[in-house]
Amino acid sequence: MTLFFTMARYASMAGVSNAVAAAQDHYRKSQHVVVHSRVILQHHAQDIRYKDLGDRAGPYRYQYMGFRLIAKSPSRYYLVSKTADYKSTKVVVLPDDDTVRVELS
């Protein structure tokens, strides 16, 4: 039991340490993301560039640039601004469905 508790505690501390290091580095090792959306996204992330491509763009008329991918679950994308730091990070959670198209690079 002691070994299990010690390993769980170590894994938790290592995870927090890695997360803080990634945030302090402004998520430079994370993938760049361009979001193409059918609807206007409501978010509070800073330094995200928004472009309305108009009717000619088809169903995904709204484009958002400046995100980085920090995690992906089976049904969601977890994004932050590329200029985010560990003290003021706002995470934007997007559904993985047909309302958005996520372009990773």
PDB file of N, CA and C in Angstrom:
ATOM      1  N   MET A   1       0.825  -1.185   0.000  1.00  0.00           N
ATOM      2  CA  MET A   1       0.000   0.000   0.000  1.00  0.00           C
ATOM      3  C   MET A   1       0.875   1.257   0.000  1.00  0.00           C
ATOM      4  N   THR A   2       1.940   1.241   0.747  1.00  0.00           N
ATOM      5  CA  THR A   2       2.835   2.397   0.813  1.00  0.00           C
ATOM      6  C   THR A   2       3.465   2.658  -0.552  1.00  0.00           C
ATOM      7  N   LEU A   3       3.859   1.604  -1.244  1.00  0.00           N
ATOM      8  CA  LEU A   3       4.454   1.761  -2.565  1.00  0.00           C
ATOM      9  C   LEU A   3       3.453   2.381  -3.542  1.00  0.00           C
ATOM     10  N   PHE A   4       2.211   1.932  -3.530  1.00  0.00           N
ATOM     11  CA  PHE A   4       1.175   2.492  -4.403  1.00  0.00           C
ATOM     12  C   PHE A   4       0.966   3.976  -4.104  1.00  0.00           C
ATOM     13  N   PHE A   5       0.848   4.327  -2.843  1.00  0.00           N
ATOM     14  CA  PHE A   5       0.643   5.721  -2.451  1.00  0.00           C
ATOM     15  C   PHE A   5       1.827   6.582  -2.888  1.00  0.00           C
ATOM     16  N   THR A   6       3.037   6.083  -2.695  1.00  0.00           N
ATOM     17  CA  THR A   6       4.231   6.838  -3.066  1.00  0.00           C
ATOM     18  C   THR A   6       4.296   7.061  -4.576  1.00  0.00           C
ATOM     19  N   MET A   7       3.984   6.041  -5.354  1.00  0.00           N
ATOM     20  CA  MET A   7       4.003   6.185  -6.815  1.00  0.00           C
ATOM     21  C   MET A   7       2.915   7.147  -7.297  1.00  0.00           C
ATOM     22  N   ALA A   8       1.736   7.084  -6.695  1.00  0.00           N
ATOM     23  CA  ALA A   8       0.654   8.003  -7.065  1.00  0.00           C
ATOM     24  C   ALA A   8       1.042   9.441  -6.741  1.00  0.00           C
ATOM     25  N   ARG A   9       1.656   9.637  -5.619  1.00  0.00           N
ATOM     26  CA  ARG A   9       2.096  10.987  -5.215  1.00  0.00           C
ATOM     27  C   ARG A   9       3.186  11.502  -6.158  1.00  0.00           C
ATOM     28  N   TYR A  10       4.131  10.641  -6.506  1.00  0.00           N
ATOM     29  CA  TYR A  10       5.194  11.023  -7.444  1.00  0.00           C
ATOM     30  C   TYR A  10       4.600  11.391  -8.806  1.00  0.00           C
ATOM     31  N   ALA A  11       3.680  10.586  -9.316  1.00  0.00           N
ATOM     32  CA  ALA A  11       3.061  10.857 -10.617  1.00  0.00           C
ATOM     33  C   ALA A  11       2.307  12.182 -10.598  1.00  0.00           C
ATOM     34  N   SER A  12       1.641  12.467  -9.520  1.00  0.00           N
ATOM     35  CA  SER A  12       0.908  13.724  -9.391  1.00  0.00           C
ATOM     36  C   SER A  12       1.858  14.919  -9.401  1.00  0.00           C
ATOM     37  N   MET A  13       2.923  14.833  -8.622  1.00  0.00           N
ATOM     38  CA  MET A  13       3.898  15.932  -8.555  1.00  0.00           C
ATOM     39  C   MET A  13       4.603  16.119  -9.897  1.00  0.00           C
ATOM     40  N   ALA A  14       4.931  15.021 -10.581  1.00  0.00           N
ATOM     41  CA  ALA A  14       5.580  15.121 -11.886  1.00  0.00           C
ATOM     42  C   ALA A  14       4.640  15.750 -12.911  1.00  0.00           C
ATOM     43  N   GLY A  15       3.364  15.398 -12.851  1.00  0.00           N
ATOM     44  CA  GLY A  15       2.388  15.972 -13.768  1.00  0.00           C
ATOM     45  C   GLY A  15       2.223  17.466 -13.575  1.00  0.00           C
ATOM     46  N   VAL A  16       2.139  17.884 -12.333  1.00  0.00           N
ATOM     47  CA  VAL A  16       2.016  19.312 -12.040  1.00  0.00           C
ATOM     48  C   VAL A  16       3.271  20.055 -12.490  1.00  0.00           C
ATOM     49  N   SER A  17       4.418  19.487 -12.222  1.00  0.00           N
ATOM     50  CA  SER A  17       5.675  20.100 -12.621  1.00  0.00           C
ATOM     51  C   SER A  17       5.769  20.242 -14.137  1.00  0.00           C
ATOM     52  N   ASN A  18       5.394  19.207 -14.866  1.00  0.00           N
ATOM     53  CA  ASN A  18       5.416  19.264 -16.333  1.00  0.00           C
ATOM     54  C   ASN A  18       4.419  20.289 -16.865  1.00  0.00           C
ATOM     55  N   ALA A  19       3.250  20.374 -16.252  1.00  0.00           N
ATOM     56  CA  ALA A  19       2.237  21.340 -16.692  1.00  0.00           C
ATOM     57  C   ALA A  19       2.707  22.772 -16.476  1.00  0.00           C
ATOM     58  N   VAL A  20       3.309  23.042 -15.332  1.00  0.00           N
ATOM     59  CA  VAL A  20       3.820  24.391 -15.054  1.00  0.00           C
ATOM     60  C   VAL A  20       4.943  24.735 -16.021  1.00  0.00           C
ATOM     61  N   ALA A  21       5.842  23.791 -16.281  1.00  0.00           N
ATOM     62  CA  ALA A  21       6.942  24.039 -17.221  1.00  0.00           C
ATOM     63  C   ALA A  21       6.415  24.332 -18.621  1.00  0.00           C
ATOM     64  N   ALA A  22       5.416  23.589 -19.071  1.00  0.00           N
ATOM     65  CA  ALA A  22       4.833  23.834 -20.397  1.00  0.00           C
ATOM     66  C   ALA A  22       4.181  25.204 -20.457  1.00  0.00           C
ATOM     67  N   ALA A  23       3.490  25.594 -19.409  1.00  0.00           N
ATOM     68  CA  ALA A  23       2.833  26.910 -19.384  1.00  0.00           C
ATOM     69  C   ALA A  23       3.862  28.036 -19.351  1.00  0.00           C
ATOM     70  N   GLN A  24       4.921  27.869 -18.575  1.00  0.00           N
ATOM     71  CA  GLN A  24       5.959  28.901 -18.515  1.00  0.00           C
ATOM     72  C   GLN A  24       6.657  29.060 -19.858  1.00  0.00           C
ATOM     73  N   ASP A  25       6.684  27.996 -20.650  1.00  0.00           N
ATOM     74  CA  ASP A  25       7.286  28.032 -21.979  1.00  0.00           C
ATOM     75  C   ASP A  25       6.282  28.464 -23.045  1.00  0.00           C
ATOM     76  N   HIS A  26       5.099  28.917 -22.612  1.00  0.00           N
ATOM     77  CA  HIS A  26       4.024  29.369 -23.506  1.00  0.00           C
ATOM     78  C   HIS A  26       3.601  28.259 -24.464  1.00  0.00           C
ATOM     79  N   TYR A  27       3.644  27.020 -24.026  1.00  0.00           N
ATOM     80  CA  TYR A  27       3.166  25.863 -24.792  1.00  0.00           C
ATOM     81  C   TYR A  27       3.833  25.751 -26.163  1.00  0.00           C
ATOM     82  N   ARG A  28       5.105  26.130 -26.259  1.00  0.00           N
ATOM     83  CA  ARG A  28       5.819  26.124 -27.545  1.00  0.00           C
ATOM     84  C   ARG A  28       5.920  24.739 -28.173  1.00  0.00           C
ATOM     85  N   LYS A  29       5.897  23.689 -27.369  1.00  0.00           N
ATOM     86  CA  LYS A  29       6.005  22.331 -27.908  1.00  0.00           C
ATOM     87  C   LYS A  29       4.647  21.752 -28.307  1.00  0.00           C
ATOM     88  N   SER A  30       3.576  22.491 -28.043  1.00  0.00           N
ATOM     89  CA  SER A  30       2.234  22.037 -28.411  1.00  0.00           C
ATOM     90  C   SER A  30       1.936  22.380 -29.869  1.00  0.00           C
ATOM     91  N   GLN A  31       0.986  21.670 -30.435  1.00  0.00           N
ATOM     92  CA  GLN A  31       0.623  21.897 -31.834  1.00  0.00           C
ATOM     93  C   GLN A  31      -0.149  23.198 -32.004  1.00  0.00           C
ATOM     94  N   HIS A  32       0.121  23.884 -33.122  1.00  0.00           N
ATOM     95  CA  HIS A  32      -0.651  25.071 -33.496  1.00  0.00           C
ATOM     96  C   HIS A  32      -2.031  24.616 -33.959  1.00  0.00           C
ATOM     97  N   VAL A  33      -3.039  25.430 -33.677  1.00  0.00           N
ATOM     98  CA  VAL A  33      -4.411  25.073 -34.029  1.00  0.00           C
ATOM     99  C   VAL A  33      -5.080  26.247 -34.733  1.00  0.00           C
ATOM    100  N   VAL A  34      -5.758  25.945 -35.822  1.00  0.00           N
ATOM    101  CA  VAL A  34      -6.668  26.889 -36.470  1.00  0.00           C
ATOM    102  C   VAL A  34      -8.051  26.262 -36.361  1.00  0.00           C
ATOM    103  N   VAL A  35      -8.993  27.033 -35.826  1.00  0.00           N
ATOM    104  CA  VAL A  35     -10.353  26.537 -35.640  1.00  0.00           C
ATOM    105  C   VAL A  35     -11.245  27.165 -36.699  1.00  0.00           C
ATOM    106  N   HIS A  36     -11.970  26.325 -37.410  1.00  0.00           N
ATOM    107  CA  HIS A  36     -12.978  26.762 -38.376  1.00  0.00           C
ATOM    108  C   HIS A  36     -14.328  26.394 -37.761  1.00  0.00           C
ATOM    109  N   SER A  37     -15.190  27.396 -37.604  1.00  0.00           N
ATOM    110  CA  SER A  37     -16.430  27.164 -36.862  1.00  0.00           C
ATOM    111  C   SER A  37     -17.655  27.591 -37.662  1.00  0.00           C
ATOM    112  N   ARG A  38     -18.750  26.887 -37.405  1.00  0.00           N
ATOM    113  CA  ARG A  38     -20.042  27.256 -38.001  1.00  0.00           C
ATOM    114  C   ARG A  38     -20.669  28.437 -37.260  1.00  0.00           C
ATOM    115  N   VAL A  39     -20.332  28.586 -35.987  1.00  0.00           N
ATOM    116  CA  VAL A  39     -20.908  29.640 -35.143  1.00  0.00           C
ATOM    117  C   VAL A  39     -19.782  30.461 -34.520  1.00  0.00           C
ATOM    118  N   ILE A  40     -20.110  31.653 -34.066  1.00  0.00           N
ATOM    119  CA  ILE A  40     -19.131  32.488 -33.378  1.00  0.00           C
ATOM    120  C   ILE A  40     -18.817  31.860 -32.027  1.00  0.00           C
ATOM    121  N   LEU A  41     -17.531  31.708 -31.721  1.00  0.00           N
ATOM    122  CA  LEU A  41     -17.107  31.113 -30.453  1.00  0.00           C
ATOM    123  C   LEU A  41     -17.032  32.178 -29.360  1.00  0.00           C
ATOM    124  N   GLN A  42     -17.590  31.857 -28.224  1.00  0.00           N
ATOM    125  CA  GLN A  42     -17.499  32.733 -27.059  1.00  0.00           C
ATOM    126  C   GLN A  42     -16.369  32.211 -26.185  1.00  0.00           C
ATOM    127  N   HIS A  43     -15.313  32.987 -26.036  1.00  0.00           N
ATOM    128  CA  HIS A  43     -14.173  32.567 -25.222  1.00  0.00           C
ATOM    129  C   HIS A  43     -13.500  33.803 -24.630  1.00  0.00           C
ATOM    130  N   HIS A  44     -12.602  33.579 -23.674  1.00  0.00           N
ATOM    131  CA  HIS A  44     -11.881  34.675 -23.020  1.00  0.00           C
ATOM    132  C   HIS A  44     -10.374  34.548 -23.204  1.00  0.00           C
ATOM    133  N   ALA A  45      -9.937  33.725 -24.141  1.00  0.00           N
ATOM    134  CA  ALA A  45      -8.510  33.575 -24.417  1.00  0.00           C
ATOM    135  C   ALA A  45      -7.987  34.844 -25.086  1.00  0.00           C
ATOM    136  N   GLN A  46      -6.794  35.260 -24.687  1.00  0.00           N
ATOM    137  CA  GLN A  46      -6.214  36.479 -25.240  1.00  0.00           C
ATOM    138  C   GLN A  46      -5.402  36.182 -26.490  1.00  0.00           C
ATOM    139  N   ASP A  47      -5.265  37.194 -27.327  1.00  0.00           N
ATOM    140  CA  ASP A  47      -4.423  37.153 -28.527  1.00  0.00           C
ATOM    141  C   ASP A  47      -4.864  36.117 -29.552  1.00  0.00           C
ATOM    142  N   ILE A  48      -6.146  35.883 -29.650  1.00  0.00           N
ATOM    143  CA  ILE A  48      -6.694  34.990 -30.666  1.00  0.00           C
ATOM    144  C   ILE A  48      -7.202  35.856 -31.810  1.00  0.00           C
ATOM    145  N   ARG A  49      -6.723  35.577 -33.013  1.00  0.00           N
ATOM    146  CA  ARG A  49      -7.154  36.331 -34.188  1.00  0.00           C
ATOM    147  C   ARG A  49      -8.418  35.691 -34.755  1.00  0.00           C
ATOM    148  N   TYR A  50      -9.375  36.535 -35.079  1.00  0.00           N
ATOM    149  CA  TYR A  50     -10.683  36.091 -35.569  1.00  0.00           C
ATOM    150  C   TYR A  50     -10.903  36.656 -36.960  1.00  0.00           C
ATOM    151  N   LYS A  51     -11.451  35.840 -37.839  1.00  0.00           N
ATOM    152  CA  LYS A  51     -11.743  36.300 -39.184  1.00  0.00           C
ATOM    153  C   LYS A  51     -13.090  35.731 -39.615  1.00  0.00           C
ATOM    154  N   ASP A  52     -13.967  36.608 -40.095  1.00  0.00           N
ATOM    155  CA  ASP A  52     -15.240  36.174 -40.675  1.00  0.00           C
ATOM    156  C   ASP A  52     -15.023  36.071 -42.177  1.00  0.00           C
ATOM    157  N   LEU A  53     -15.048  34.861 -42.704  1.00  0.00           N
ATOM    158  CA  LEU A  53     -14.771  34.630 -44.115  1.00  0.00           C
ATOM    159  C   LEU A  53     -15.993  34.859 -45.010  1.00  0.00           C
ATOM    160  N   GLY A  54     -17.131  35.125 -44.396  1.00  0.00           N
ATOM    161  CA  GLY A  54     -18.341  35.401 -45.157  1.00  0.00           C
ATOM    162  C   GLY A  54     -19.001  34.148 -45.699  1.00  0.00           C
ATOM    163  N   ASP A  55     -20.046  34.371 -46.476  1.00  0.00           N
ATOM    164  CA  ASP A  55     -20.830  33.258 -47.023  1.00  0.00           C
ATOM    165  C   ASP A  55     -20.034  32.384 -47.984  1.00  0.00           C
ATOM    166  N   ARG A  56     -19.018  32.932 -48.627  1.00  0.00           N
ATOM    167  CA  ARG A  56     -18.251  32.168 -49.610  1.00  0.00           C
ATOM    168  C   ARG A  56     -17.460  31.023 -48.986  1.00  0.00           C
ATOM    169  N   ALA A  57     -17.274  31.040 -47.678  1.00  0.00           N
ATOM    170  CA  ALA A  57     -16.484  30.011 -46.990  1.00  0.00           C
ATOM    171  C   ALA A  57     -17.284  28.749 -46.718  1.00  0.00           C
ATOM    172  N   GLY A  58     -18.548  28.766 -47.026  1.00  0.00           N
ATOM    173  CA  GLY A  58     -19.371  27.592 -46.763  1.00  0.00           C
ATOM    174  C   GLY A  58     -19.807  27.544 -45.314  1.00  0.00           C
ATOM    175  N   PRO A  59     -20.027  26.354 -44.795  1.00  0.00           N
ATOM    176  CA  PRO A  59     -20.577  26.264 -43.438  1.00  0.00           C
ATOM    177  C   PRO A  59     -19.609  26.709 -42.348  1.00  0.00           C
ATOM    178  N   TYR A  60     -18.305  26.607 -42.589  1.00  0.00           N
ATOM    179  CA  TYR A  60     -17.320  26.992 -41.560  1.00  0.00           C
ATOM    180  C   TYR A  60     -16.800  28.383 -41.866  1.00  0.00           C
ATOM    181  N   ARG A  61     -17.612  29.362 -41.608  1.00  0.00           N
ATOM    182  CA  ARG A  61     -17.300  30.719 -42.038  1.00  0.00           C
ATOM    183  C   ARG A  61     -16.412  31.474 -41.068  1.00  0.00           C
ATOM    184  N   TYR A  62     -16.337  31.078 -39.793  1.00  0.00           N
ATOM    185  CA  TYR A  62     -15.553  31.795 -38.790  1.00  0.00           C
ATOM    186  C   TYR A  62     -14.229  31.075 -38.545  1.00  0.00           C
ATOM    187  N   GLN A  63     -13.149  31.842 -38.584  1.00  0.00           N
ATOM    188  CA  GLN A  63     -11.821  31.263 -38.418  1.00  0.00           C
ATOM    189  C   GLN A  63     -11.119  31.912 -37.225  1.00  0.00           C
ATOM    190  N   TYR A  64     -10.502  31.074 -36.381  1.00  0.00           N
ATOM    191  CA  TYR A  64      -9.793  31.532 -35.188  1.00  0.00           C
ATOM    192  C   TYR A  64      -8.372  31.003 -35.237  1.00  0.00           C
ATOM    193  N   MET A  65      -7.397  31.916 -35.119  1.00  0.00           N
ATOM    194  CA  MET A  65      -5.987  31.536 -35.159  1.00  0.00           C
ATOM    195  C   MET A  65      -5.298  32.008 -33.880  1.00  0.00           C
ATOM    196  N   GLY A  66      -4.301  31.252 -33.455  1.00  0.00           N
ATOM    197  CA  GLY A  66      -3.534  31.624 -32.276  1.00  0.00           C
ATOM    198  C   GLY A  66      -3.693  30.659 -31.120  1.00  0.00           C
ATOM    199  N   PHE A  67      -4.370  29.556 -31.351  1.00  0.00           N
ATOM    200  CA  PHE A  67      -4.546  28.550 -30.304  1.00  0.00           C
ATOM    201  C   PHE A  67      -3.414  27.529 -30.337  1.00  0.00           C
ATOM    202  N   ARG A  68      -3.232  26.869 -29.202  1.00  0.00           N
ATOM    203  CA  ARG A  68      -2.350  25.703 -29.074  1.00  0.00           C
ATOM    204  C   ARG A  68      -3.166  24.582 -28.427  1.00  0.00           C
ATOM    205  N   LEU A  69      -2.919  23.360 -28.845  1.00  0.00           N
ATOM    206  CA  LEU A  69      -3.607  22.194 -28.296  1.00  0.00           C
ATOM    207  C   LEU A  69      -2.857  21.710 -27.059  1.00  0.00           C
ATOM    208  N   ILE A  70      -3.575  21.611 -25.921  1.00  0.00           N
ATOM    209  CA  ILE A  70      -2.925  21.062 -24.727  1.00  0.00           C
ATOM    210  C   ILE A  70      -3.425  19.662 -24.404  1.00  0.00           C
ATOM    211  N   ALA A  71      -4.626  19.310 -24.873  1.00  0.00           N
ATOM    212  CA  ALA A  71      -5.141  17.952 -24.625  1.00  0.00           C
ATOM    213  C   ALA A  71      -6.290  17.678 -25.581  1.00  0.00           C
ATOM    214  N   LYS A  72      -6.514  16.388 -25.816  1.00  0.00           N
ATOM    215  CA  LYS A  72      -7.631  15.937 -26.651  1.00  0.00           C
ATOM    216  C   LYS A  72      -8.255  14.730 -25.973  1.00  0.00           C
ATOM    217  N   SER A  73      -9.551  14.794 -25.754  1.00  0.00           N
ATOM    218  CA  SER A  73     -10.293  13.642 -25.240  1.00  0.00           C
ATOM    219  C   SER A  73     -11.110  13.085 -26.404  1.00  0.00           C
ATOM    220  N   PRO A  74     -11.785  11.983 -26.220  1.00  0.00           N
ATOM    221  CA  PRO A  74     -12.590  11.447 -27.332  1.00  0.00           C
ATOM    222  C   PRO A  74     -13.666  12.418 -27.842  1.00  0.00           C
ATOM    223  N   SER A  75     -14.124  13.325 -27.006  1.00  0.00           N
ATOM    224  CA  SER A  75     -15.218  14.201 -27.434  1.00  0.00           C
ATOM    225  C   SER A  75     -14.921  15.697 -27.325  1.00  0.00           C
ATOM    226  N   ARG A  76     -13.699  16.071 -26.928  1.00  0.00           N
ATOM    227  CA  ARG A  76     -13.396  17.493 -26.729  1.00  0.00           C
ATOM    228  C   ARG A  76     -11.946  17.825 -27.093  1.00  0.00           C
ATOM    229  N   TYR A  77     -11.749  19.104 -27.498  1.00  0.00           N
ATOM    230  CA  TYR A  77     -10.420  19.678 -27.671  1.00  0.00           C
ATOM    231  C   TYR A  77     -10.205  20.679 -26.543  1.00  0.00           C
ATOM    232  N   TYR A  78      -9.019  20.686 -25.957  1.00  0.00           N
ATOM    233  CA  TYR A  78      -8.663  21.635 -24.903  1.00  0.00           C
ATOM    234  C   TYR A  78      -7.565  22.530 -25.460  1.00  0.00           C
ATOM    235  N   LEU A  79      -7.888  23.811 -25.604  1.00  0.00           N
ATOM    236  CA  LEU A  79      -6.999  24.758 -26.266  1.00  0.00           C
ATOM    237  C   LEU A  79      -6.655  25.924 -25.349  1.00  0.00           C
ATOM    238  N   VAL A  80      -5.469  26.499 -25.572  1.00  0.00           N
ATOM    239  CA  VAL A  80      -5.066  27.728 -24.893  1.00  0.00           C
ATOM    240  C   VAL A  80      -4.493  28.672 -25.934  1.00  0.00           C
ATOM    241  N   SER A  81      -4.368  29.928 -25.562  1.00  0.00           N
ATOM    242  CA  SER A  81      -3.741  30.902 -26.440  1.00  0.00           C
ATOM    243  C   SER A  81      -2.252  30.608 -26.530  1.00  0.00           C
ATOM    244  N   LYS A  82      -1.655  30.895 -27.674  1.00  0.00           N
ATOM    245  CA  LYS A  82      -0.222  30.647 -27.819  1.00  0.00           C
ATOM    246  C   LYS A  82       0.610  31.587 -26.949  1.00  0.00           C
ATOM    247  N   THR A  83       0.004  32.646 -26.425  1.00  0.00           N
ATOM    248  CA  THR A  83       0.730  33.556 -25.542  1.00  0.00           C
ATOM    249  C   THR A  83       0.372  33.353 -24.074  1.00  0.00           C
ATOM    250  N   ALA A  84      -0.375  32.298 -23.765  1.00  0.00           N
ATOM    251  CA  ALA A  84      -0.805  32.047 -22.389  1.00  0.00           C
ATOM    252  C   ALA A  84       0.393  31.743 -21.496  1.00  0.00           C
ATOM    253  N   ASP A  85       0.288  32.129 -20.246  1.00  0.00           N
ATOM    254  CA  ASP A  85       1.284  31.731 -19.259  1.00  0.00           C
ATOM    255  C   ASP A  85       0.573  31.018 -18.122  1.00  0.00           C
ATOM    256  N   TYR A  86       1.329  30.494 -17.185  1.00  0.00           N
ATOM    257  CA  TYR A  86       0.724  29.640 -16.169  1.00  0.00           C
ATOM    258  C   TYR A  86      -0.091  30.399 -15.132  1.00  0.00           C
ATOM    259  N   LYS A  87       0.002  31.712 -15.084  1.00  0.00           N
ATOM    260  CA  LYS A  87      -0.769  32.472 -14.095  1.00  0.00           C
ATOM    261  C   LYS A  87      -2.104  32.954 -14.636  1.00  0.00           C
ATOM    262  N   SER A  88      -2.208  33.099 -15.954  1.00  0.00           N
ATOM    263  CA  SER A  88      -3.445  33.668 -16.514  1.00  0.00           C
ATOM    264  C   SER A  88      -3.993  32.842 -17.668  1.00  0.00           C
ATOM    265  N   THR A  89      -3.803  31.555 -17.631  1.00  0.00           N
ATOM    266  CA  THR A  89      -4.248  30.703 -18.724  1.00  0.00           C
ATOM    267  C   THR A  89      -5.756  30.502 -18.681  1.00  0.00           C
ATOM    268  N   LYS A  90      -6.396  30.755 -19.801  1.00  0.00           N
ATOM    269  CA  LYS A  90      -7.815  30.454 -19.992  1.00  0.00           C
ATOM    270  C   LYS A  90      -7.895  29.285 -20.949  1.00  0.00           C
ATOM    271  N   VAL A  91      -8.490  28.201 -20.518  1.00  0.00           N
ATOM    272  CA  VAL A  91      -8.631  27.023 -21.362  1.00  0.00           C
ATOM    273  C   VAL A  91      -9.957  27.109 -22.102  1.00  0.00           C
ATOM    274  N   VAL A  92      -9.899  26.906 -23.404  1.00  0.00           N
ATOM    275  CA  VAL A  92     -11.087  26.893 -24.244  1.00  0.00           C
ATOM    276  C   VAL A  92     -11.383  25.429 -24.574  1.00  0.00           C
ATOM    277  N   VAL A  93     -12.578  24.991 -24.269  1.00  0.00           N
ATOM    278  CA  VAL A  93     -12.986  23.610 -24.509  1.00  0.00           C
ATOM    279  C   VAL A  93     -13.973  23.603 -25.665  1.00  0.00           C
ATOM    280  N   LEU A  94     -13.597  22.884 -26.729  1.00  0.00           N
ATOM    281  CA  LEU A  94     -14.457  22.794 -27.910  1.00  0.00           C
ATOM    282  C   LEU A  94     -14.928  21.365 -28.095  1.00  0.00           C
ATOM    283  N   PRO A  95     -16.157  21.198 -28.538  1.00  0.00           N
ATOM    284  CA  PRO A  95     -16.647  19.835 -28.800  1.00  0.00           C
ATOM    285  C   PRO A  95     -16.000  19.286 -30.074  1.00  0.00           C
ATOM    286  N   ASP A  96     -15.792  18.005 -30.118  1.00  0.00           N
ATOM    287  CA  ASP A  96     -15.303  17.341 -31.321  1.00  0.00           C
ATOM    288  C   ASP A  96     -16.515  16.827 -32.092  1.00  0.00           C
ATOM    289  N   ASP A  97     -17.188  17.766 -32.758  1.00  0.00           N
ATOM    290  CA  ASP A  97     -18.380  17.416 -33.540  1.00  0.00           C
ATOM    291  C   ASP A  97     -18.382  18.254 -34.816  1.00  0.00           C
ATOM    292  N   ASP A  98     -19.503  18.291 -35.508  1.00  0.00           N
ATOM    293  CA  ASP A  98     -19.540  18.980 -36.793  1.00  0.00           C
ATOM    294  C   ASP A  98     -19.750  20.496 -36.688  1.00  0.00           C
ATOM    295  N   THR A  99     -19.756  21.063 -35.483  1.00  0.00           N
ATOM    296  CA  THR A  99     -19.863  22.533 -35.369  1.00  0.00           C
ATOM    297  C   THR A  99     -18.517  23.205 -35.579  1.00  0.00           C
ATOM    298  N   VAL A 100     -17.425  22.460 -35.367  1.00  0.00           N
ATOM    299  CA  VAL A 100     -16.091  23.013 -35.579  1.00  0.00           C
ATOM    300  C   VAL A 100     -15.243  22.024 -36.380  1.00  0.00           C
ATOM    301  N   ARG A 101     -14.293  22.585 -37.093  1.00  0.00           N
ATOM    302  CA  ARG A 101     -13.274  21.800 -37.784  1.00  0.00           C
ATOM    303  C   ARG A 101     -11.938  22.320 -37.259  1.00  0.00           C
ATOM    304  N   VAL A 102     -11.149  21.442 -36.687  1.00  0.00           N
ATOM    305  CA  VAL A 102      -9.894  21.825 -36.058  1.00  0.00           C
ATOM    306  C   VAL A 102      -8.739  21.398 -36.941  1.00  0.00           C
ATOM    307  N   GLU A 103      -7.894  22.370 -37.278  1.00  0.00           N
ATOM    308  CA  GLU A 103      -6.737  22.137 -38.145  1.00  0.00           C
ATOM    309  C   GLU A 103      -5.477  22.192 -37.271  1.00  0.00           C
ATOM    310  N   LEU A 104      -4.759  21.092 -37.184  1.00  0.00           N
ATOM    311  CA  LEU A 104      -3.552  21.009 -36.368  1.00  0.00           C
ATOM    312  C   LEU A 104      -2.319  21.069 -37.252  1.00  0.00           C
ATOM    313  N   SER A 105      -1.291  21.784 -36.779  1.00  0.00           N
ATOM    314  CA  SER A 105      -0.033  21.823 -37.527  1.00  0.00           C
ATOM    315  C   SER A 105       1.139  21.832 -36.578  1.00  0.00           C
TER     316      SER A 105
END
